[in-house]
């Protein structure tokens, strides 16, 4: 169609939260490390019906590949506050109990920053200088042969 504008596709996810469990590290058949963990992301909002503050929590699965996975497993544990920059990826698998095909979404991590825990109520406080932020660079190409499912 004339005059139709095609927008560039974007796939970027930015989240911050706390690990819900210790990271799980496995290795592909080719020996590439893959680290998986879930991040709890909280959203606080005012419920207009009863004028009370409520929390909405989303649990986001995150996967880190290669050398980044090795570094992440050594530095992360349950409760660690993190900032994740990644892309949304989907996968399909067969449910072993029902035989049905299932789909799942996860964030494939490009960059992971470990945040410092703040003083007031567990809020996150990043250090003032960017160089002081502990981070793990994890951006590496992943070959389809390396996906363990």
C-alpha atoms as a PDB file:
ATOM      1  CA  UNK A   1       0.000   0.000   0.000  1.00  0.00           C
ATOM      2  CA  UNK A   2       1.165   3.470  -0.817  1.00  0.00           C
ATOM      3  CA  UNK A   3       2.146   5.606   2.149  1.00  0.00           C
ATOM      4  CA  UNK A   4       2.339   2.663   4.554  1.00  0.00           C
ATOM      5  CA  UNK A   5       5.204   2.979   7.023  1.00  0.00           C
ATOM      6  CA  UNK A   6       6.927  -0.181   8.157  1.00  0.00           C
ATOM      7  CA  UNK A   7       8.283   0.153  11.678  1.00  0.00           C
ATOM      8  CA  UNK A   8      11.474  -1.647  12.640  1.00  0.00           C
ATOM      9  CA  UNK A   9      10.930  -4.664  14.845  1.00  0.00           C
ATOM     10  CA  UNK A  10      12.319  -4.434  18.345  1.00  0.00           C
ATOM     11  CA  UNK A  11      12.832  -7.070  20.979  1.00  0.00           C
ATOM     12  CA  UNK A  12      14.290  -5.657  24.166  1.00  0.00           C
ATOM     13  CA  UNK A  13      13.356  -6.505  27.737  1.00  0.00           C
ATOM     14  CA  UNK A  14      14.568  -4.581  30.794  1.00  0.00           C
ATOM     15  CA  UNK A  15      13.650  -5.866  34.241  1.00  0.00           C
ATOM     16  CA  UNK A  16      14.876  -5.486  37.789  1.00  0.00           C
ATOM     17  CA  UNK A  17      13.999  -7.672  40.712  1.00  0.00           C
ATOM     18  CA  UNK A  18      15.299 -10.417  42.965  1.00  0.00           C
ATOM     19  CA  UNK A  19      16.210 -14.017  42.215  1.00  0.00           C
ATOM     20  CA  UNK A  20      13.545 -16.384  43.532  1.00  0.00           C
ATOM     21  CA  UNK A  21      15.981 -19.301  43.851  1.00  0.00           C
ATOM     22  CA  UNK A  22      19.636 -20.155  43.370  1.00  0.00           C
ATOM     23  CA  UNK A  23      20.646 -20.307  39.698  1.00  0.00           C
ATOM     24  CA  UNK A  24      20.563 -23.690  37.960  1.00  0.00           C
ATOM     25  CA  UNK A  25      23.522 -24.382  35.651  1.00  0.00           C
ATOM     26  CA  UNK A  26      23.562 -27.132  33.035  1.00  0.00           C
ATOM     27  CA  UNK A  27      25.678 -27.868  29.991  1.00  0.00           C
ATOM     28  CA  UNK A  28      24.684 -28.580  26.404  1.00  0.00           C
ATOM     29  CA  UNK A  29      25.962 -31.647  24.578  1.00  0.00           C
ATOM     30  CA  UNK A  30      28.677 -29.414  23.131  1.00  0.00           C
ATOM     31  CA  UNK A  31      29.736 -28.293  26.604  1.00  0.00           C
ATOM     32  CA  UNK A  32      28.285 -24.760  26.557  1.00  0.00           C
ATOM     33  CA  UNK A  33      27.074 -23.558  29.963  1.00  0.00           C
ATOM     34  CA  UNK A  34      23.474 -22.411  30.364  1.00  0.00           C
ATOM     35  CA  UNK A  35      22.319 -20.749  33.589  1.00  0.00           C
ATOM     36  CA  UNK A  36      18.615 -20.424  34.427  1.00  0.00           C
ATOM     37  CA  UNK A  37      16.894 -18.512  37.193  1.00  0.00           C
ATOM     38  CA  UNK A  38      13.652 -16.633  37.852  1.00  0.00           C
ATOM     39  CA  UNK A  39      13.422 -12.960  38.774  1.00  0.00           C
ATOM     40  CA  UNK A  40      10.513 -11.688  40.869  1.00  0.00           C
ATOM     41  CA  UNK A  41       9.450  -8.268  39.580  1.00  0.00           C
ATOM     42  CA  UNK A  42       7.191  -6.287  41.905  1.00  0.00           C
ATOM     43  CA  UNK A  43       4.734  -3.562  40.994  1.00  0.00           C
ATOM     44  CA  UNK A  44       3.057  -1.605  43.760  1.00  0.00           C
ATOM     45  CA  UNK A  45      -0.250   0.077  42.965  1.00  0.00           C
ATOM     46  CA  UNK A  46      -3.160   1.770  44.720  1.00  0.00           C
ATOM     47  CA  UNK A  47      -6.373  -0.259  44.491  1.00  0.00           C
ATOM     48  CA  UNK A  48      -8.990   2.389  43.700  1.00  0.00           C
ATOM     49  CA  UNK A  49     -11.865   0.201  44.952  1.00  0.00           C
ATOM     50  CA  UNK A  50     -10.721   0.147  48.586  1.00  0.00           C
ATOM     51  CA  UNK A  51      -7.918   2.746  48.584  1.00  0.00           C
ATOM     52  CA  UNK A  52      -5.309   0.173  49.686  1.00  0.00           C
ATOM     53  CA  UNK A  53      -1.800  -0.389  48.376  1.00  0.00           C
ATOM     54  CA  UNK A  54      -1.313  -3.790  46.766  1.00  0.00           C
ATOM     55  CA  UNK A  55       1.600  -5.652  45.241  1.00  0.00           C
ATOM     56  CA  UNK A  56       1.534  -7.412  41.908  1.00  0.00           C
ATOM     57  CA  UNK A  57       4.417  -9.867  41.415  1.00  0.00           C
ATOM     58  CA  UNK A  58       5.513 -11.363  38.099  1.00  0.00           C
ATOM     59  CA  UNK A  59       8.018 -14.214  37.974  1.00  0.00           C
ATOM     60  CA  UNK A  60      10.207 -13.896  34.879  1.00  0.00           C
ATOM     61  CA  UNK A  61      12.363 -16.821  33.706  1.00  0.00           C
ATOM     62  CA  UNK A  62      15.849 -15.730  32.610  1.00  0.00           C
ATOM     63  CA  UNK A  63      18.522 -17.705  30.758  1.00  0.00           C
ATOM     64  CA  UNK A  64      22.224 -16.807  30.470  1.00  0.00           C
ATOM     65  CA  UNK A  65      24.516 -18.618  28.007  1.00  0.00           C
ATOM     66  CA  UNK A  66      28.224 -19.430  27.743  1.00  0.00           C
ATOM     67  CA  UNK A  67      30.885 -17.697  29.810  1.00  0.00           C
ATOM     68  CA  UNK A  68      28.255 -15.361  31.217  1.00  0.00           C
ATOM     69  CA  UNK A  69      26.478 -18.402  32.676  1.00  0.00           C
ATOM     70  CA  UNK A  70      29.667 -19.485  34.446  1.00  0.00           C
ATOM     71  CA  UNK A  71      30.190 -16.001  35.876  1.00  0.00           C
ATOM     72  CA  UNK A  72      26.529 -15.614  36.867  1.00  0.00           C
ATOM     73  CA  UNK A  73      26.413 -18.911  38.782  1.00  0.00           C
ATOM     74  CA  UNK A  74      29.373 -17.829  40.884  1.00  0.00           C
ATOM     75  CA  UNK A  75      27.911 -14.425  41.786  1.00  0.00           C
ATOM     76  CA  UNK A  76      24.155 -15.001  42.103  1.00  0.00           C
ATOM     77  CA  UNK A  77      22.040 -16.645  44.772  1.00  0.00           C
ATOM     78  CA  UNK A  78      18.437 -16.574  45.927  1.00  0.00           C
ATOM     79  CA  UNK A  79      17.461 -13.007  46.876  1.00  0.00           C
ATOM     80  CA  UNK A  80      20.168 -11.253  44.841  1.00  0.00           C
ATOM     81  CA  UNK A  81      18.803  -7.999  43.348  1.00  0.00           C
ATOM     82  CA  UNK A  82      19.557  -7.837  39.624  1.00  0.00           C
ATOM     83  CA  UNK A  83      18.942  -5.713  36.554  1.00  0.00           C
ATOM     84  CA  UNK A  84      18.532  -7.765  33.363  1.00  0.00           C
ATOM     85  CA  UNK A  85      18.826  -6.438  29.819  1.00  0.00           C
ATOM     86  CA  UNK A  86      17.849  -9.044  27.270  1.00  0.00           C
ATOM     87  CA  UNK A  87      15.501 -10.179  24.568  1.00  0.00           C
ATOM     88  CA  UNK A  88      12.301 -12.165  24.716  1.00  0.00           C
ATOM     89  CA  UNK A  89      12.629 -15.686  23.326  1.00  0.00           C
ATOM     90  CA  UNK A  90      10.115 -18.490  23.013  1.00  0.00           C
ATOM     91  CA  UNK A  91      10.502 -22.231  23.010  1.00  0.00           C
ATOM     92  CA  UNK A  92       8.373 -25.296  22.469  1.00  0.00           C
ATOM     93  CA  UNK A  93       8.581 -28.562  24.341  1.00  0.00           C
ATOM     94  CA  UNK A  94       6.509 -31.695  24.819  1.00  0.00           C
ATOM     95  CA  UNK A  95       4.953 -32.143  28.240  1.00  0.00           C
ATOM     96  CA  UNK A  96       6.181 -35.547  29.447  1.00  0.00           C
ATOM     97  CA  UNK A  97       3.007 -36.313  31.394  1.00  0.00           C
ATOM     98  CA  UNK A  98       0.381 -35.271  28.842  1.00  0.00           C
ATOM     99  CA  UNK A  99       2.300 -35.463  25.564  1.00  0.00           C
ATOM    100  CA  UNK A 100       0.972 -32.013  24.621  1.00  0.00           C
ATOM    101  CA  UNK A 101       3.115 -29.364  22.984  1.00  0.00           C
ATOM    102  CA  UNK A 102       3.700 -26.439  25.317  1.00  0.00           C
ATOM    103  CA  UNK A 103       5.156 -23.014  24.671  1.00  0.00           C
ATOM    104  CA  UNK A 104       7.067 -20.820  27.058  1.00  0.00           C
ATOM    105  CA  UNK A 105       8.592 -17.351  27.060  1.00  0.00           C
ATOM    106  CA  UNK A 106      11.823 -16.361  28.736  1.00  0.00           C
ATOM    107  CA  UNK A 107      14.322 -13.527  28.713  1.00  0.00           C
ATOM    108  CA  UNK A 108      17.641 -14.388  27.098  1.00  0.00           C
ATOM    109  CA  UNK A 109      20.075 -12.175  28.951  1.00  0.00           C
ATOM    110  CA  UNK A 110      22.462  -9.832  27.122  1.00  0.00           C
ATOM    111  CA  UNK A 111      23.684  -7.939  30.180  1.00  0.00           C
ATOM    112  CA  UNK A 112      23.233  -8.626  33.855  1.00  0.00           C
ATOM    113  CA  UNK A 113      23.908  -6.112  36.609  1.00  0.00           C
ATOM    114  CA  UNK A 114      23.976  -7.085  40.247  1.00  0.00           C
ATOM    115  CA  UNK A 115      22.341  -4.309  42.256  1.00  0.00           C
ATOM    116  CA  UNK A 116      23.175  -3.318  45.780  1.00  0.00           C
ATOM    117  CA  UNK A 117      20.414  -3.718  48.298  1.00  0.00           C
ATOM    118  CA  UNK A 118      19.202  -0.381  49.645  1.00  0.00           C
ATOM    119  CA  UNK A 119      18.633   0.469  53.276  1.00  0.00           C
ATOM    120  CA  UNK A 120      14.950   1.381  53.258  1.00  0.00           C
ATOM    121  CA  UNK A 121      12.575  -1.523  52.777  1.00  0.00           C
ATOM    122  CA  UNK A 122      14.794  -3.520  50.444  1.00  0.00           C
ATOM    123  CA  UNK A 123      14.684  -0.929  47.682  1.00  0.00           C
ATOM    124  CA  UNK A 124      17.442  -1.053  45.106  1.00  0.00           C
ATOM    125  CA  UNK A 125      20.140   1.563  45.116  1.00  0.00           C
ATOM    126  CA  UNK A 126      22.687   1.597  42.327  1.00  0.00           C
ATOM    127  CA  UNK A 127      26.173   2.899  43.104  1.00  0.00           C
ATOM    128  CA  UNK A 128      26.828   6.447  41.942  1.00  0.00           C
ATOM    129  CA  UNK A 129      29.541   5.635  39.396  1.00  0.00           C
ATOM    130  CA  UNK A 130      28.750   3.286  36.526  1.00  0.00           C
ATOM    131  CA  UNK A 131      32.175   1.652  36.937  1.00  0.00           C
ATOM    132  CA  UNK A 132      31.206   0.592  40.469  1.00  0.00           C
ATOM    133  CA  UNK A 133      28.204  -1.466  39.306  1.00  0.00           C
ATOM    134  CA  UNK A 134      29.090  -5.153  39.348  1.00  0.00           C
ATOM    135  CA  UNK A 135      28.005  -6.570  36.024  1.00  0.00           C
ATOM    136  CA  UNK A 136      28.323  -9.653  33.912  1.00  0.00           C
ATOM    137  CA  UNK A 137      28.586  -9.224  30.148  1.00  0.00           C
ATOM    138  CA  UNK A 138      26.783 -12.184  28.654  1.00  0.00           C
ATOM    139  CA  UNK A 139      26.059 -11.253  25.037  1.00  0.00           C
ATOM    140  CA  UNK A 140      27.180 -14.203  22.940  1.00  0.00           C
ATOM    141  CA  UNK A 141      25.671 -15.769  19.850  1.00  0.00           C
ATOM    142  CA  UNK A 142      23.822 -18.999  20.582  1.00  0.00           C
ATOM    143  CA  UNK A 143      23.705 -21.700  17.953  1.00  0.00           C
ATOM    144  CA  UNK A 144      20.488 -23.728  17.627  1.00  0.00           C
ATOM    145  CA  UNK A 145      22.478 -26.926  18.209  1.00  0.00           C
ATOM    146  CA  UNK A 146      23.313 -25.624  21.669  1.00  0.00           C
ATOM    147  CA  UNK A 147      19.706 -25.264  22.858  1.00  0.00           C
ATOM    148  CA  UNK A 148      19.175 -28.139  25.338  1.00  0.00           C
ATOM    149  CA  UNK A 149      15.526 -28.878  24.486  1.00  0.00           C
END
